[in-house]
Protein backbone atom coordinates (compact mmCIF):
# COMPACT_ATOMS: atom_id res chain seq x y z
CA MET A 1 82.83 -1.82 43.64
CA LYS A 2 79.63 -0.14 45.16
CA PRO A 3 78.23 2.09 43.05
CA LEU A 4 78.58 6.44 43.46
CA PHE A 5 75.09 7.81 44.01
CA HIS A 6 73.87 11.27 43.44
CA PRO A 7 74.35 13.61 46.75
CA TRP A 8 69.78 12.96 47.10
CA ILE A 9 69.28 9.47 46.77
CA PRO A 10 68.38 8.35 50.75
CA VAL A 11 70.57 5.66 52.08
CA PRO A 12 67.95 3.37 52.57
CA VAL A 13 67.29 2.95 48.68
CA GLN A 14 70.60 3.62 47.90
CA GLU A 15 71.07 0.19 50.78
CA SER A 16 68.47 -1.63 48.45
CA PHE A 17 68.98 -0.51 44.72
CA GLU A 18 72.41 -2.82 46.16
CA ARG A 19 70.60 -5.72 46.78
CA ILE A 20 68.62 -5.62 43.78
CA ILE A 21 70.89 -5.64 41.24
CA ASP A 22 72.73 -8.83 43.34
CA GLU A 23 72.34 -10.50 40.31
CA THR A 24 73.41 -13.08 42.68
CA LEU A 25 69.18 -12.72 44.44
CA GLY A 26 67.80 -12.89 41.39
CA TYR A 27 65.11 -10.31 40.53
CA PRO A 28 64.26 -9.80 37.04
CA GLN A 29 66.19 -7.87 34.48
CA ALA A 30 63.60 -5.21 34.43
CA GLU A 31 63.27 -4.35 37.78
CA ARG A 32 67.23 -4.10 37.85
CA GLU A 33 66.87 -1.34 35.51
CA CYS A 34 64.24 0.43 36.50
CA ALA A 35 65.37 0.68 40.27
CA THR A 36 68.88 1.56 38.13
CA ARG A 37 66.50 4.20 35.99
CA LEU A 38 65.40 5.30 39.77
CA VAL A 39 69.00 5.61 40.99
CA SER A 40 70.07 7.39 38.59
CA SER A 41 67.70 9.78 36.30
CA GLU A 42 68.22 13.49 37.19
CA THR A 43 65.09 13.83 37.00
CA MET A 44 63.98 12.08 39.67
CA GLU A 45 65.83 14.50 42.38
CA ARG A 46 62.90 17.25 42.30
CA PHE A 47 61.03 13.58 43.45
CA TYR A 48 63.84 13.02 46.70
CA ARG A 49 64.14 16.12 47.38
CA HIS A 50 60.13 17.08 47.60
CA PRO A 51 59.53 19.05 50.92
CA TRP A 52 57.53 16.04 52.31
CA PHE A 53 60.58 13.97 53.16
CA SER A 54 61.73 16.72 55.33
CA ARG A 55 60.07 16.36 58.00
CA TRP A 56 60.22 12.50 58.26
CA ASN A 57 63.47 11.81 60.88
CA VAL A 58 66.21 10.54 58.85
CA SER A 59 67.23 8.52 61.99
CA SER A 60 64.11 6.87 62.75
CA ASP A 61 63.48 2.56 61.07
CA ALA A 62 60.26 3.95 59.75
CA TYR A 63 62.12 6.39 57.41
CA SER A 64 64.57 3.59 56.10
CA THR A 65 61.31 1.14 56.15
CA SER A 66 59.21 3.28 53.59
CA TRP A 67 62.52 4.14 51.15
CA LYS A 68 62.25 0.61 51.08
CA ILE A 69 59.17 -0.62 50.41
CA TRP A 70 58.69 3.21 48.03
CA LEU A 71 61.99 1.30 46.00
CA ASN A 72 60.21 -2.07 46.11
CA GLN A 73 56.93 -1.41 45.27
CA ALA A 74 57.85 1.23 43.19
CA THR A 75 60.12 -1.65 41.04
CA VAL A 76 57.31 -3.92 40.89
CA ALA A 77 54.66 -1.36 39.42
CA ALA A 78 57.26 -0.25 36.81
CA ALA A 79 58.40 -3.97 35.83
CA ALA A 80 54.73 -5.74 36.03
CA ASP A 81 53.67 -6.53 32.67
CA HIS A 82 49.78 -3.86 32.42
CA SER A 83 48.52 -4.91 28.94
CA ALA A 84 45.51 -7.84 29.97
CA ARG A 85 44.53 -5.33 32.59
CA ARG A 86 44.83 -1.84 29.95
CA HIS A 87 43.04 -3.92 27.24
CA ALA A 88 39.97 -4.60 29.77
CA LEU A 89 39.82 -1.04 30.51
CA ASP A 90 39.67 0.13 26.99
CA GLU A 91 37.48 -2.88 26.27
CA GLN A 92 35.30 -1.81 30.10
CA ARG A 93 35.45 2.29 27.90
CA GLU A 94 34.56 0.91 24.61
CA ARG A 95 31.18 -0.60 26.28
CA ILE A 96 29.96 2.15 27.83
CA SER A 97 30.57 4.29 25.26
CA ARG A 98 27.55 1.94 23.96
CA LEU A 99 25.61 2.15 26.31
CA SER A 100 25.76 5.27 26.37
CA ALA A 101 24.94 6.19 22.50
CA VAL A 102 22.10 3.64 23.21
CA LEU A 103 20.73 6.03 26.21
CA GLU A 104 21.40 9.18 24.86
CA GLU A 105 18.93 7.19 21.54
CA ALA A 106 16.17 5.62 24.15
CA GLY A 107 15.90 9.25 25.57
CA ASN A 108 15.53 10.93 21.92
CA LEU A 109 13.32 8.91 21.26
CA LEU A 110 11.04 9.10 24.53
CA ALA A 111 11.25 13.12 24.24
CA GLU A 112 10.22 12.50 20.00
CA ILE A 113 6.74 10.06 22.00
CA GLU A 114 5.67 12.76 24.05
CA HIS A 115 6.21 16.12 21.10
CA ALA A 116 4.00 13.59 19.51
CA GLU A 117 1.41 13.07 22.47
CA ALA A 118 1.51 16.62 23.30
CA ALA A 119 0.72 17.46 19.67
CA ALA A 120 -2.15 15.13 18.30
CA PRO A 121 -5.48 15.91 18.92
CA ILE A 122 -7.27 14.07 22.08
CA SER A 123 -9.28 11.50 21.01
CA LEU A 124 -11.59 8.90 22.99
CA PRO A 125 -11.89 5.58 22.81
CA SER A 126 -14.80 3.77 21.12
CA GLU A 127 -15.96 2.16 24.97
CA PHE A 128 -15.96 5.69 26.11
CA SER A 129 -17.66 7.33 23.26
CA SER A 130 -20.45 5.08 23.43
CA ALA A 131 -20.63 5.69 27.21
CA PHE A 132 -21.70 9.43 26.30
CA ALA A 133 -24.05 9.19 23.68
CA LEU A 134 -25.44 6.83 26.75
CA MET A 135 -25.09 9.54 29.21
CA VAL A 136 -26.37 12.31 26.70
CA SER A 137 -29.06 10.71 25.04
CA MET A 138 -30.40 9.81 28.81
CA SER A 139 -29.91 13.91 29.71
CA THR A 140 -32.32 14.66 27.12
């Protein structure tokens, strides 16, 4: 039995959906559920009716192929387990946050050193002071 589709669902999406929900073809349950949401959800109407798609030539093979590829990729992406990637991104954000804090502290310490150098009286090392003493004594 063919499912009933909303009138705003493109025909290639309907055809791909029928292929995905066919249990004999071996699509995972998560992909079948996602495909069902993509063709039955009222919130997808705005997507399917977007003016950008009206520029496509409905009779072309590219139109049909594009919609079929879109539905296939959307179901695969939605059904994929992204938890490992999310965990890696969270760890990376934490490391960047710690690096930022360390760099900020280093910047603050450098500013303190520069401020202390600016406020300190000028002093000459002993090697220079004895050389100056020698020059002063020679000039008199």
